[in-house]
Amino acid sequence: MDSIIMKNMAFFGYHGVMNEEKVLGQKFFIDVQLFADLEKAGRTDNVTDTIHYGMVYSLIKDTVENERYGLIEALAERICSRVLHDFPLVSRITVRVKKPEAPVPGIFDYMGVEIERKRM
């Protein structure tokens, strides 16, 4: 299956179970892979025959920056459901949410989740 890849999109949000995360907020990095048949778009060279990734970016930005979740699992699930709802060409989606400033003692690049959902 063909796919569109959107990697390391950076947003500022207020997701987390700790009070400090809900008040101070932090950076989140989102990776998305959108699976779809892109053959027609490749032949026609017409944006209406593909998934407009600028519009997907705006949807993800709105979700991360204007909604609040305790768990990044819930944030990832919401991104999946919104994309599948709003973009009918997407047959499957993988979302990775990376939280580089997670309140965990230790040295790490990020804590994160990755989920995959399919259109029913």
PDB file of N, CA and C in Angstrom:
ATOM      1  N   MET A   1       0.857  -1.187   0.000  1.00  0.00           N
ATOM      2  CA  MET A   1       0.000   0.000   0.000  1.00  0.00           C
ATOM      3  C   MET A   1       0.891   1.234   0.000  1.00  0.00           C
ATOM      4  N   ASP A   2       0.473   2.246  -0.733  1.00  0.00           N
ATOM      5  CA  ASP A   2       1.184   3.520  -0.784  1.00  0.00           C
ATOM      6  C   ASP A   2       0.981   4.269   0.529  1.00  0.00           C
ATOM      7  N   SER A   3       1.842   5.238   0.787  1.00  0.00           N
ATOM      8  CA  SER A   3       1.655   6.014   2.018  1.00  0.00           C
ATOM      9  C   SER A   3       2.241   7.416   1.895  1.00  0.00           C
ATOM     10  N   ILE A   4       1.687   8.290   2.688  1.00  0.00           N
ATOM     11  CA  ILE A   4       2.185   9.650   2.876  1.00  0.00           C
ATOM     12  C   ILE A   4       2.775   9.699   4.275  1.00  0.00           C
ATOM     13  N   ILE A   5       3.982  10.225   4.394  1.00  0.00           N
ATOM     14  CA  ILE A   5       4.679  10.251   5.687  1.00  0.00           C
ATOM     15  C   ILE A   5       4.831  11.696   6.145  1.00  0.00           C
ATOM     16  N   MET A   6       4.459  11.924   7.381  1.00  0.00           N
ATOM     17  CA  MET A   6       4.581  13.252   8.011  1.00  0.00           C
ATOM     18  C   MET A   6       5.361  13.023   9.306  1.00  0.00           C
ATOM     19  N   LYS A   7       6.562  13.553   9.382  1.00  0.00           N
ATOM     20  CA  LYS A   7       7.460  13.162  10.464  1.00  0.00           C
ATOM     21  C   LYS A   7       7.959  14.358  11.272  1.00  0.00           C
ATOM     22  N   ASN A   8       8.026  14.151  12.582  1.00  0.00           N
ATOM     23  CA  ASN A   8       8.576  15.116  13.541  1.00  0.00           C
ATOM     24  C   ASN A   8       7.874  16.466  13.517  1.00  0.00           C
ATOM     25  N   MET A   9       6.557  16.437  13.411  1.00  0.00           N
ATOM     26  CA  MET A   9       5.782  17.673  13.527  1.00  0.00           C
ATOM     27  C   MET A   9       5.806  18.088  14.991  1.00  0.00           C
ATOM     28  N   ALA A  10       6.159  19.326  15.270  1.00  0.00           N
ATOM     29  CA  ALA A  10       6.315  19.802  16.645  1.00  0.00           C
ATOM     30  C   ALA A  10       5.161  20.716  17.027  1.00  0.00           C
ATOM     31  N   PHE A  11       4.588  20.455  18.210  1.00  0.00           N
ATOM     32  CA  PHE A  11       3.471  21.245  18.722  1.00  0.00           C
ATOM     33  C   PHE A  11       3.659  21.447  20.225  1.00  0.00           C
ATOM     34  N   PHE A  12       2.947  22.414  20.761  1.00  0.00           N
ATOM     35  CA  PHE A  12       2.955  22.651  22.206  1.00  0.00           C
ATOM     36  C   PHE A  12       1.561  22.329  22.732  1.00  0.00           C
ATOM     37  N   GLY A  13       1.507  21.442  23.733  1.00  0.00           N
ATOM     38  CA  GLY A  13       0.207  21.032  24.256  1.00  0.00           C
ATOM     39  C   GLY A  13       0.234  20.822  25.751  1.00  0.00           C
ATOM     40  N   TYR A  14      -0.932  20.476  26.279  1.00  0.00           N
ATOM     41  CA  TYR A  14      -1.139  20.340  27.726  1.00  0.00           C
ATOM     42  C   TYR A  14      -1.667  18.952  28.060  1.00  0.00           C
ATOM     43  N   HIS A  15      -0.941  17.932  27.661  1.00  0.00           N
ATOM     44  CA  HIS A  15      -1.356  16.557  27.870  1.00  0.00           C
ATOM     45  C   HIS A  15      -0.483  15.924  28.937  1.00  0.00           C
ATOM     46  N   GLY A  16      -1.103  15.235  29.870  1.00  0.00           N
ATOM     47  CA  GLY A  16      -0.362  14.551  30.923  1.00  0.00           C
ATOM     48  C   GLY A  16      -1.231  14.376  32.148  1.00  0.00           C
ATOM     49  N   VAL A  17      -0.805  13.487  33.014  1.00  0.00           N
ATOM     50  CA  VAL A  17      -1.568  13.220  34.232  1.00  0.00           C
ATOM     51  C   VAL A  17      -1.102  14.076  35.411  1.00  0.00           C
ATOM     52  N   MET A  18       0.080  14.651  35.321  1.00  0.00           N
ATOM     53  CA  MET A  18       0.592  15.465  36.415  1.00  0.00           C
ATOM     54  C   MET A  18       0.093  16.902  36.265  1.00  0.00           C
ATOM     55  N   ASN A  19      -0.181  17.548  37.397  1.00  0.00           N
ATOM     56  CA  ASN A  19      -0.697  18.913  37.358  1.00  0.00           C
ATOM     57  C   ASN A  19       0.213  19.874  36.611  1.00  0.00           C
ATOM     58  N   GLU A  20       1.520  19.718  36.782  1.00  0.00           N
ATOM     59  CA  GLU A  20       2.464  20.603  36.104  1.00  0.00           C
ATOM     60  C   GLU A  20       2.313  20.527  34.582  1.00  0.00           C
ATOM     61  N   GLU A  21       2.064  19.328  34.065  1.00  0.00           N
ATOM     62  CA  GLU A  21       1.899  19.151  32.621  1.00  0.00           C
ATOM     63  C   GLU A  21       0.634  19.857  32.124  1.00  0.00           C
ATOM     64  N   LYS A  22      -0.386  19.827  32.961  1.00  0.00           N
ATOM     65  CA  LYS A  22      -1.662  20.451  32.592  1.00  0.00           C
ATOM     66  C   LYS A  22      -1.597  21.972  32.648  1.00  0.00           C
ATOM     67  N   VAL A  23      -0.702  22.500  33.482  1.00  0.00           N
ATOM     68  CA  VAL A  23      -0.592  23.949  33.658  1.00  0.00           C
ATOM     69  C   VAL A  23       0.506  24.542  32.774  1.00  0.00           C
ATOM     70  N   LEU A  24       1.687  23.938  32.806  1.00  0.00           N
ATOM     71  CA  LEU A  24       2.834  24.493  32.089  1.00  0.00           C
ATOM     72  C   LEU A  24       2.895  24.070  30.617  1.00  0.00           C
ATOM     73  N   GLY A  25       2.374  22.901  30.311  1.00  0.00           N
ATOM     74  CA  GLY A  25       2.441  22.386  28.956  1.00  0.00           C
ATOM     75  C   GLY A  25       3.848  21.942  28.586  1.00  0.00           C
ATOM     76  N   GLN A  26       3.980  21.397  27.378  1.00  0.00           N
ATOM     77  CA  GLN A  26       5.275  20.926  26.900  1.00  0.00           C
ATOM     78  C   GLN A  26       5.207  20.642  25.409  1.00  0.00           C
ATOM     79  N   LYS A  27       6.372  20.387  24.817  1.00  0.00           N
ATOM     80  CA  LYS A  27       6.451  20.058  23.402  1.00  0.00           C
ATOM     81  C   LYS A  27       6.059  18.606  23.177  1.00  0.00           C
ATOM     82  N   PHE A  28       5.417  18.385  22.049  1.00  0.00           N
ATOM     83  CA  PHE A  28       5.094  17.043  21.582  1.00  0.00           C
ATOM     84  C   PHE A  28       5.532  16.951  20.129  1.00  0.00           C
ATOM     85  N   PHE A  29       6.048  15.789  19.752  1.00  0.00           N
ATOM     86  CA  PHE A  29       6.418  15.543  18.364  1.00  0.00           C
ATOM     87  C   PHE A  29       5.540  14.410  17.848  1.00  0.00           C
ATOM     88  N   ILE A  30       4.971  14.611  16.685  1.00  0.00           N
ATOM     89  CA  ILE A  30       4.024  13.657  16.117  1.00  0.00           C
ATOM     90  C   ILE A  30       4.551  13.171  14.773  1.00  0.00           C
ATOM     91  N   ASP A  31       4.520  11.851  14.591  1.00  0.00           N
ATOM     92  CA  ASP A  31       4.796  11.218  13.303  1.00  0.00           C
ATOM     93  C   ASP A  31       3.508  10.545  12.851  1.00  0.00           C
ATOM     94  N   VAL A  32       3.189  10.690  11.563  1.00  0.00           N
ATOM     95  CA  VAL A  32       1.985  10.080  11.018  1.00  0.00           C
ATOM     96  C   VAL A  32       2.326   9.432   9.690  1.00  0.00           C
ATOM     97  N   GLN A  33       1.795   8.245   9.480  1.00  0.00           N
ATOM     98  CA  GLN A  33       1.871   7.612   8.168  1.00  0.00           C
ATOM     99  C   GLN A  33       0.449   7.308   7.730  1.00  0.00           C
ATOM    100  N   LEU A  34       0.074   7.858   6.571  1.00  0.00           N
ATOM    101  CA  LEU A  34      -1.268   7.711   6.016  1.00  0.00           C
ATOM    102  C   LEU A  34      -1.208   6.722   4.860  1.00  0.00           C
ATOM    103  N   PHE A  35      -1.926   5.638   4.957  1.00  0.00           N
ATOM    104  CA  PHE A  35      -1.921   4.616   3.912  1.00  0.00           C
ATOM    105  C   PHE A  35      -3.124   4.815   3.009  1.00  0.00           C
ATOM    106  N   ALA A  36      -2.863   4.844   1.702  1.00  0.00           N
ATOM    107  CA  ALA A  36      -3.927   5.065   0.726  1.00  0.00           C
ATOM    108  C   ALA A  36      -3.421   4.651  -0.647  1.00  0.00           C
ATOM    109  N   ASP A  37      -4.340   4.468  -1.558  1.00  0.00           N
ATOM    110  CA  ASP A  37      -3.975   4.209  -2.944  1.00  0.00           C
ATOM    111  C   ASP A  37      -3.677   5.553  -3.600  1.00  0.00           C
ATOM    112  N   LEU A  38      -2.431   5.798  -3.923  1.00  0.00           N
ATOM    113  CA  LEU A  38      -2.004   7.085  -4.481  1.00  0.00           C
ATOM    114  C   LEU A  38      -1.745   7.020  -5.987  1.00  0.00           C
ATOM    115  N   GLU A  39      -2.122   5.922  -6.603  1.00  0.00           N
ATOM    116  CA  GLU A  39      -1.848   5.746  -8.032  1.00  0.00           C
ATOM    117  C   GLU A  39      -2.525   6.823  -8.881  1.00  0.00           C
ATOM    118  N   LYS A  40      -3.797   7.103  -8.615  1.00  0.00           N
ATOM    119  CA  LYS A  40      -4.511   8.103  -9.412  1.00  0.00           C
ATOM    120  C   LYS A  40      -3.830   9.470  -9.303  1.00  0.00           C
ATOM    121  N   ALA A  41      -3.439   9.861  -8.086  1.00  0.00           N
ATOM    122  CA  ALA A  41      -2.761  11.149  -7.899  1.00  0.00           C
ATOM    123  C   ALA A  41      -1.442  11.179  -8.651  1.00  0.00           C
ATOM    124  N   GLY A  42      -0.751  10.057  -8.681  1.00  0.00           N
ATOM    125  CA  GLY A  42       0.509   9.981  -9.407  1.00  0.00           C
ATOM    126  C   GLY A  42       0.316  10.138 -10.912  1.00  0.00           C
ATOM    127  N   ARG A  43      -0.821   9.649 -11.403  1.00  0.00           N
ATOM    128  CA  ARG A  43      -1.098   9.754 -12.837  1.00  0.00           C
ATOM    129  C   ARG A  43      -1.631  11.134 -13.214  1.00  0.00           C
ATOM    130  N   THR A  44      -2.512  11.707 -12.388  1.00  0.00           N
ATOM    131  CA  THR A  44      -3.168  12.968 -12.739  1.00  0.00           C
ATOM    132  C   THR A  44      -2.396  14.202 -12.312  1.00  0.00           C
ATOM    133  N   ASP A  45      -1.532  14.052 -11.309  1.00  0.00           N
ATOM    134  CA  ASP A  45      -0.793  15.200 -10.754  1.00  0.00           C
ATOM    135  C   ASP A  45      -1.755  16.264 -10.231  1.00  0.00           C
ATOM    136  N   ASN A  46      -2.858  15.793  -9.638  1.00  0.00           N
ATOM    137  CA  ASN A  46      -3.915  16.680  -9.150  1.00  0.00           C
ATOM    138  C   ASN A  46      -4.093  16.472  -7.646  1.00  0.00           C
ATOM    139  N   VAL A  47      -4.001  17.535  -6.882  1.00  0.00           N
ATOM    140  CA  VAL A  47      -4.089  17.441  -5.416  1.00  0.00           C
ATOM    141  C   VAL A  47      -5.446  16.903  -4.956  1.00  0.00           C
ATOM    142  N   THR A  48      -6.481  17.056  -5.760  1.00  0.00           N
ATOM    143  CA  THR A  48      -7.800  16.538  -5.350  1.00  0.00           C
ATOM    144  C   THR A  48      -7.854  15.018  -5.409  1.00  0.00           C
ATOM    145  N   ASP A  49      -6.861  14.383  -6.003  1.00  0.00           N
ATOM    146  CA  ASP A  49      -6.820  12.924  -6.080  1.00  0.00           C
ATOM    147  C   ASP A  49      -5.945  12.297  -5.008  1.00  0.00           C
ATOM    148  N   THR A  50      -5.521  13.096  -4.041  1.00  0.00           N
ATOM    149  CA  THR A  50      -4.656  12.583  -2.975  1.00  0.00           C
ATOM    150  C   THR A  50      -5.147  13.104  -1.629  1.00  0.00           C
ATOM    151  N   ILE A  51      -4.361  12.884  -0.620  1.00  0.00           N
ATOM    152  CA  ILE A  51      -4.655  13.386   0.723  1.00  0.00           C
ATOM    153  C   ILE A  51      -3.840  14.658   0.903  1.00  0.00           C
ATOM    154  N   HIS A  52      -4.499  15.750   1.118  1.00  0.00           N
ATOM    155  CA  HIS A  52      -3.834  17.052   1.239  1.00  0.00           C
ATOM    156  C   HIS A  52      -3.155  17.109   2.609  1.00  0.00           C
ATOM    157  N   TYR A  53      -1.848  16.904   2.626  1.00  0.00           N
ATOM    158  CA  TYR A  53      -1.171  16.806   3.922  1.00  0.00           C
ATOM    159  C   TYR A  53      -1.128  18.122   4.667  1.00  0.00           C
ATOM    160  N   GLY A  54      -1.305  19.237   3.993  1.00  0.00           N
ATOM    161  CA  GLY A  54      -1.430  20.518   4.700  1.00  0.00           C
ATOM    162  C   GLY A  54      -2.680  20.560   5.556  1.00  0.00           C
ATOM    163  N   MET A  55      -3.761  19.973   5.031  1.00  0.00           N
ATOM    164  CA  MET A  55      -5.005  19.916   5.803  1.00  0.00           C
ATOM    165  C   MET A  55      -4.892  18.916   6.957  1.00  0.00           C
ATOM    166  N   VAL A  56      -4.188  17.809   6.722  1.00  0.00           N
ATOM    167  CA  VAL A  56      -3.964  16.837   7.798  1.00  0.00           C
ATOM    168  C   VAL A  56      -3.126  17.484   8.896  1.00  0.00           C
ATOM    169  N   TYR A  57      -2.098  18.227   8.513  1.00  0.00           N
ATOM    170  CA  TYR A  57      -1.260  18.929   9.483  1.00  0.00           C
ATOM    171  C   TYR A  57      -2.108  19.861  10.346  1.00  0.00           C
ATOM    172  N   SER A  58      -2.987  20.627   9.723  1.00  0.00           N
ATOM    173  CA  SER A  58      -3.843  21.564  10.470  1.00  0.00           C
ATOM    174  C   SER A  58      -4.735  20.829  11.455  1.00  0.00           C
ATOM    175  N   LEU A  59      -5.270  19.685  11.053  1.00  0.00           N
ATOM    176  CA  LEU A  59      -6.123  18.889  11.938  1.00  0.00           C
ATOM    177  C   LEU A  59      -5.317  18.388  13.143  1.00  0.00           C
ATOM    178  N   ILE A  60      -4.110  17.900  12.890  1.00  0.00           N
ATOM    179  CA  ILE A  60      -3.270  17.397  13.984  1.00  0.00           C
ATOM    180  C   ILE A  60      -2.880  18.543  14.914  1.00  0.00           C
ATOM    181  N   LYS A  61      -2.491  19.664  14.351  1.00  0.00           N
ATOM    182  CA  LYS A  61      -2.142  20.845  15.149  1.00  0.00           C
ATOM    183  C   LYS A  61      -3.306  21.245  16.047  1.00  0.00           C
ATOM    184  N   ASP A  62      -4.506  21.295  15.485  1.00  0.00           N
ATOM    185  CA  ASP A  62      -5.690  21.644  16.266  1.00  0.00           C
ATOM    186  C   ASP A  62      -5.914  20.649  17.405  1.00  0.00           C
ATOM    187  N   THR A  63      -5.749  19.370  17.117  1.00  0.00           N
ATOM    188  CA  THR A  63      -5.963  18.334  18.137  1.00  0.00           C
ATOM    189  C   THR A  63      -4.943  18.450  19.266  1.00  0.00           C
ATOM    190  N   VAL A  64      -3.670  18.596  18.918  1.00  0.00           N
ATOM    191  CA  VAL A  64      -2.618  18.644  19.939  1.00  0.00           C
ATOM    192  C   VAL A  64      -2.684  19.936  20.743  1.00  0.00           C
ATOM    193  N   GLU A  65      -2.923  21.054  20.074  1.00  0.00           N
ATOM    194  CA  GLU A  65      -2.834  22.343  20.747  1.00  0.00           C
ATOM    195  C   GLU A  65      -4.133  22.815  21.388  1.00  0.00           C
ATOM    196  N   ASN A  66      -5.276  22.295  20.960  1.00  0.00           N
ATOM    197  CA  ASN A  66      -6.554  22.808  21.476  1.00  0.00           C
ATOM    198  C   ASN A  66      -7.387  21.799  22.257  1.00  0.00           C
ATOM    199  N   GLU A  67      -6.933  20.565  22.327  1.00  0.00           N
ATOM    200  CA  GLU A  67      -7.611  19.564  23.147  1.00  0.00           C
ATOM    201  C   GLU A  67      -6.639  19.132  24.244  1.00  0.00           C
ATOM    202  N   ARG A  68      -7.173  18.549  25.301  1.00  0.00           N
ATOM    203  CA  ARG A  68      -6.325  18.129  26.424  1.00  0.00           C
ATOM    204  C   ARG A  68      -6.663  16.701  26.832  1.00  0.00           C
ATOM    205  N   TYR A  69      -5.610  15.914  27.032  1.00  0.00           N
ATOM    206  CA  TYR A  69      -5.764  14.515  27.436  1.00  0.00           C
ATOM    207  C   TYR A  69      -4.777  14.188  28.541  1.00  0.00           C
ATOM    208  N   GLY A  70      -5.174  13.293  29.426  1.00  0.00           N
ATOM    209  CA  GLY A  70      -4.272  12.829  30.463  1.00  0.00           C
ATOM    210  C   GLY A  70      -3.200  11.909  29.882  1.00  0.00           C
ATOM    211  N   LEU A  71      -3.603  11.091  28.941  1.00  0.00           N
ATOM    212  CA  LEU A  71      -2.692  10.095  28.381  1.00  0.00           C
ATOM    213  C   LEU A  71      -2.376  10.399  26.924  1.00  0.00           C
ATOM    214  N   ILE A  72      -1.121  10.168  26.552  1.00  0.00           N
ATOM    215  CA  ILE A  72      -0.770  10.346  25.142  1.00  0.00           C
ATOM    216  C   ILE A  72      -1.417   9.246  24.293  1.00  0.00           C
ATOM    217  N   GLU A  73      -1.800   8.144  24.906  1.00  0.00           N
ATOM    218  CA  GLU A  73      -2.560   7.115  24.195  1.00  0.00           C
ATOM    219  C   GLU A  73      -3.886   7.697  23.690  1.00  0.00           C
ATOM    220  N   ALA A  74      -4.534   8.490  24.541  1.00  0.00           N
ATOM    221  CA  ALA A  74      -5.808   9.117  24.160  1.00  0.00           C
ATOM    222  C   ALA A  74      -5.595  10.162  23.066  1.00  0.00           C
ATOM    223  N   LEU A  75      -4.520  10.906  23.151  1.00  0.00           N
ATOM    224  CA  LEU A  75      -4.200  11.889  22.118  1.00  0.00           C
ATOM    225  C   LEU A  75      -3.989  11.191  20.774  1.00  0.00           C
ATOM    226  N   ALA A  76      -3.214  10.124  20.758  1.00  0.00           N
ATOM    227  CA  ALA A  76      -2.955   9.378  19.520  1.00  0.00           C
ATOM    228  C   ALA A  76      -4.256   8.812  18.953  1.00  0.00           C
ATOM    229  N   GLU A  77      -5.098   8.290  19.811  1.00  0.00           N
ATOM    230  CA  GLU A  77      -6.382   7.729  19.378  1.00  0.00           C
ATOM    231  C   GLU A  77      -7.262   8.797  18.746  1.00  0.00           C
ATOM    232  N   ARG A  78      -7.280   9.982  19.334  1.00  0.00           N
ATOM    233  CA  ARG A  78      -8.089  11.089  18.807  1.00  0.00           C
ATOM    234  C   ARG A  78      -7.578  11.539  17.437  1.00  0.00           C
ATOM    235  N   ILE A  79      -6.265  11.617  17.273  1.00  0.00           N
ATOM    236  CA  ILE A  79      -5.702  11.975  15.976  1.00  0.00           C
ATOM    237  C   ILE A  79      -6.136  10.951  14.926  1.00  0.00           C
ATOM    238  N   CYS A  80      -6.018   9.678  15.242  1.00  0.00           N
ATOM    239  CA  CYS A  80      -6.430   8.628  14.303  1.00  0.00           C
ATOM    240  C   CYS A  80      -7.893   8.767  13.922  1.00  0.00           C
ATOM    241  N   SER A  81      -8.753   8.905  14.917  1.00  0.00           N
ATOM    242  CA  SER A  81     -10.187   8.948  14.626  1.00  0.00           C
ATOM    243  C   SER A  81     -10.560  10.175  13.803  1.00  0.00           C
ATOM    244  N   ARG A  82      -9.958  11.314  14.089  1.00  0.00           N
ATOM    245  CA  ARG A  82     -10.267  12.526  13.321  1.00  0.00           C
ATOM    246  C   ARG A  82      -9.792  12.406  11.874  1.00  0.00           C
ATOM    247  N   VAL A  83      -8.579  11.884  11.675  1.00  0.00           N
ATOM    248  CA  VAL A  83      -8.068  11.745  10.308  1.00  0.00           C
ATOM    249  C   VAL A  83      -8.920  10.757   9.517  1.00  0.00           C
ATOM    250  N   LEU A  84      -9.239   9.609  10.105  1.00  0.00           N
ATOM    251  CA  LEU A  84     -10.058   8.626   9.398  1.00  0.00           C
ATOM    252  C   LEU A  84     -11.445   9.185   9.082  1.00  0.00           C
ATOM    253  N   HIS A  85     -11.972  10.000   9.959  1.00  0.00           N
ATOM    254  CA  HIS A  85     -13.289  10.598   9.731  1.00  0.00           C
ATOM    255  C   HIS A  85     -13.265  11.643   8.621  1.00  0.00           C
ATOM    256  N   ASP A  86     -12.237  12.495   8.631  1.00  0.00           N
ATOM    257  CA  ASP A  86     -12.202  13.654   7.723  1.00  0.00           C
ATOM    258  C   ASP A  86     -11.560  13.382   6.362  1.00  0.00           C
ATOM    259  N   PHE A  87     -10.814  12.293   6.233  1.00  0.00           N
ATOM    260  CA  PHE A  87     -10.089  12.019   4.991  1.00  0.00           C
ATOM    261  C   PHE A  87     -10.421  10.608   4.501  1.00  0.00           C
ATOM    262  N   PRO A  88     -11.460  10.482   3.692  1.00  0.00           N
ATOM    263  CA  PRO A  88     -11.948   9.156   3.286  1.00  0.00           C
ATOM    264  C   PRO A  88     -10.959   8.337   2.450  1.00  0.00           C
ATOM    265  N   LEU A  89      -9.963   8.957   1.846  1.00  0.00           N
ATOM    266  CA  LEU A  89      -8.977   8.183   1.087  1.00  0.00           C
ATOM    267  C   LEU A  89      -8.022   7.410   1.996  1.00  0.00           C
ATOM    268  N   VAL A  90      -7.912   7.797   3.256  1.00  0.00           N
ATOM    269  CA  VAL A  90      -7.011   7.106   4.189  1.00  0.00           C
ATOM    270  C   VAL A  90      -7.646   5.776   4.586  1.00  0.00           C
ATOM    271  N   SER A  91      -6.967   4.682   4.281  1.00  0.00           N
ATOM    272  CA  SER A  91      -7.484   3.363   4.650  1.00  0.00           C
ATOM    273  C   SER A  91      -6.899   2.866   5.969  1.00  0.00           C
ATOM    274  N   ARG A  92      -5.710   3.373   6.293  1.00  0.00           N
ATOM    275  CA  ARG A  92      -5.029   2.971   7.530  1.00  0.00           C
ATOM    276  C   ARG A  92      -4.133   4.118   7.944  1.00  0.00           C
ATOM    277  N   ILE A  93      -3.931   4.253   9.248  1.00  0.00           N
ATOM    278  CA  ILE A  93      -3.088   5.330   9.771  1.00  0.00           C
ATOM    279  C   ILE A  93      -2.244   4.799  10.922  1.00  0.00           C
ATOM    280  N   THR A  94      -1.004   5.236  10.948  1.00  0.00           N
ATOM    281  CA  THR A  94      -0.128   4.986  12.096  1.00  0.00           C
ATOM    282  C   THR A  94       0.241   6.341  12.680  1.00  0.00           C
ATOM    283  N   VAL A  95       0.067   6.470  14.000  1.00  0.00           N
ATOM    284  CA  VAL A  95       0.394   7.718  14.696  1.00  0.00           C
ATOM    285  C   VAL A  95       1.373   7.404  15.815  1.00  0.00           C
ATOM    286  N   ARG A  96       2.455   8.183  15.862  1.00  0.00           N
ATOM    287  CA  ARG A  96       3.407   8.092  16.958  1.00  0.00           C
ATOM    288  C   ARG A  96       3.424   9.442  17.660  1.00  0.00           C
ATOM    289  N   VAL A  97       3.201   9.426  18.972  1.00  0.00           N
ATOM    290  CA  VAL A  97       3.272  10.639  19.795  1.00  0.00           C
ATOM    291  C   VAL A  97       4.519  10.516  20.651  1.00  0.00           C
ATOM    292  N   LYS A  98       5.390  11.522  20.538  1.00  0.00           N
ATOM    293  CA  LYS A  98       6.641  11.522  21.297  1.00  0.00           C
ATOM    294  C   LYS A  98       6.622  12.683  22.283  1.00  0.00           C
ATOM    295  N   LYS A  99       6.978  12.359  23.506  1.00  0.00           N
ATOM    296  CA  LYS A  99       6.949  13.324  24.607  1.00  0.00           C
ATOM    297  C   LYS A  99       8.373  13.439  25.168  1.00  0.00           C
ATOM    298  N   PRO A 100       9.180  14.375  24.628  1.00  0.00           N
ATOM    299  CA  PRO A 100      10.579  14.437  25.027  1.00  0.00           C
ATOM    300  C   PRO A 100      10.820  14.992  26.429  1.00  0.00           C
ATOM    301  N   GLU A 101       9.837  15.680  26.979  1.00  0.00           N
ATOM    302  CA  GLU A 101      10.002  16.271  28.307  1.00  0.00           C
ATOM    303  C   GLU A 101       9.115  15.582  29.341  1.00  0.00           C
ATOM    304  N   ALA A 102       8.862  14.299  29.139  1.00  0.00           N
ATOM    305  CA  ALA A 102       8.044  13.542  30.085  1.00  0.00           C
ATOM    306  C   ALA A 102       8.647  13.644  31.483  1.00  0.00           C
ATOM    307  N   PRO A 103       7.793  13.809  32.505  1.00  0.00           N
ATOM    308  CA  PRO A 103       8.302  13.965  33.874  1.00  0.00           C
ATOM    309  C   PRO A 103       8.760  12.633  34.472  1.00  0.00           C
ATOM    310  N   VAL A 104       9.836  12.101  33.910  1.00  0.00           N
ATOM    311  CA  VAL A 104      10.397  10.828  34.348  1.00  0.00           C
ATOM    312  C   VAL A 104      11.873  11.072  34.637  1.00  0.00           C
ATOM    313  N   PRO A 105      12.351  10.716  35.826  1.00  0.00           N
ATOM    314  CA  PRO A 105      13.770  10.917  36.111  1.00  0.00           C
ATOM    315  C   PRO A 105      14.622  10.009  35.232  1.00  0.00           C
ATOM    316  N   GLY A 106      15.634  10.574  34.643  1.00  0.00           N
ATOM    317  CA  GLY A 106      16.516   9.781  33.804  1.00  0.00           C
ATOM    318  C   GLY A 106      16.825  10.495  32.502  1.00  0.00           C
ATOM    319  N   ILE A 107      17.670   9.871  31.728  1.00  0.00           N
ATOM    320  CA  ILE A 107      18.108  10.433  30.451  1.00  0.00           C
ATOM    321  C   ILE A 107      17.473   9.626  29.327  1.00  0.00           C
ATOM    322  N   PHE A 108      16.776  10.323  28.417  1.00  0.00           N
ATOM    323  CA  PHE A 108      16.096   9.656  27.312  1.00  0.00           C
ATOM    324  C   PHE A 108      15.797  10.669  26.211  1.00  0.00           C
ATOM    325  N   ASP A 109      15.579  10.169  25.014  1.00  0.00           N
ATOM    326  CA  ASP A 109      15.165  11.038  23.903  1.00  0.00           C
ATOM    327  C   ASP A 109      13.702  11.447  24.071  1.00  0.00           C
ATOM    328  N   TYR A 110      12.860  10.466  24.304  1.00  0.00           N
ATOM    329  CA  TYR A 110      11.432  10.736  24.488  1.00  0.00           C
ATOM    330  C   TYR A 110      10.746   9.491  25.021  1.00  0.00           C
ATOM    331  N   MET A 111       9.593   9.693  25.592  1.00  0.00           N
ATOM    332  CA  MET A 111       8.659   8.616  25.902  1.00  0.00           C
ATOM    333  C   MET A 111       7.554   8.759  24.864  1.00  0.00           C
ATOM    334  N   GLY A 112       6.958   7.662  24.449  1.00  0.00           N
ATOM    335  CA  GLY A 112       5.948   7.798  23.414  1.00  0.00           C
ATOM    336  C   GLY A 112       5.081   6.572  23.246  1.00  0.00           C
ATOM    337  N   VAL A 113       4.118   6.731  22.357  1.00  0.00           N
ATOM    338  CA  VAL A 113       3.236   5.634  21.976  1.00  0.00           C
ATOM    339  C   VAL A 113       3.109   5.628  20.455  1.00  0.00           C
ATOM    340  N   GLU A 114       2.812   4.469  19.922  1.00  0.00           N
ATOM    341  CA  GLU A 114       2.516   4.358  18.509  1.00  0.00           C
ATOM    342  C   GLU A 114       1.308   3.450  18.360  1.00  0.00           C
ATOM    343  N   ILE A 115       0.310   3.934  17.635  1.00  0.00           N
ATOM    344  CA  ILE A 115      -0.886   3.117  17.398  1.00  0.00           C
ATOM    345  C   ILE A 115      -1.201   3.114  15.905  1.00  0.00           C
ATOM    346  N   GLU A 116      -1.901   2.081  15.498  1.00  0.00           N
ATOM    347  CA  GLU A 116      -2.329   1.960  14.102  1.00  0.00           C
ATOM    348  C   GLU A 116      -3.815   1.627  14.101  1.00  0.00           C
ATOM    349  N   ARG A 117      -4.550   2.309  13.236  1.00  0.00           N
ATOM    350  CA  ARG A 117      -5.979   2.066  13.114  1.00  0.00           C
ATOM    351  C   ARG A 117      -6.323   1.932  11.631  1.00  0.00           C
ATOM    352  N   LYS A 118      -7.360   1.138  11.354  1.00  0.00           N
ATOM    353  CA  LYS A 118      -7.816   0.916   9.983  1.00  0.00           C
ATOM    354  C   LYS A 118      -9.259   1.392   9.836  1.00  0.00           C
ATOM    355  N   ARG A 119      -9.572   1.788   8.628  1.00  0.00           N
ATOM    356  CA  ARG A 119     -10.949   2.152   8.318  1.00  0.00           C
ATOM    357  C   ARG A 119     -11.784   0.873   8.356  1.00  0.00           C
ATOM    358  N   MET A 120     -12.949   0.956   8.959  1.00  0.00           N
ATOM    359  CA  MET A 120     -13.839  -0.210   9.031  1.00  0.00           C
ATOM    360  C   MET A 120     -14.720  -0.268   7.808  1.00  0.00           C
TER     361      MET A 120
END
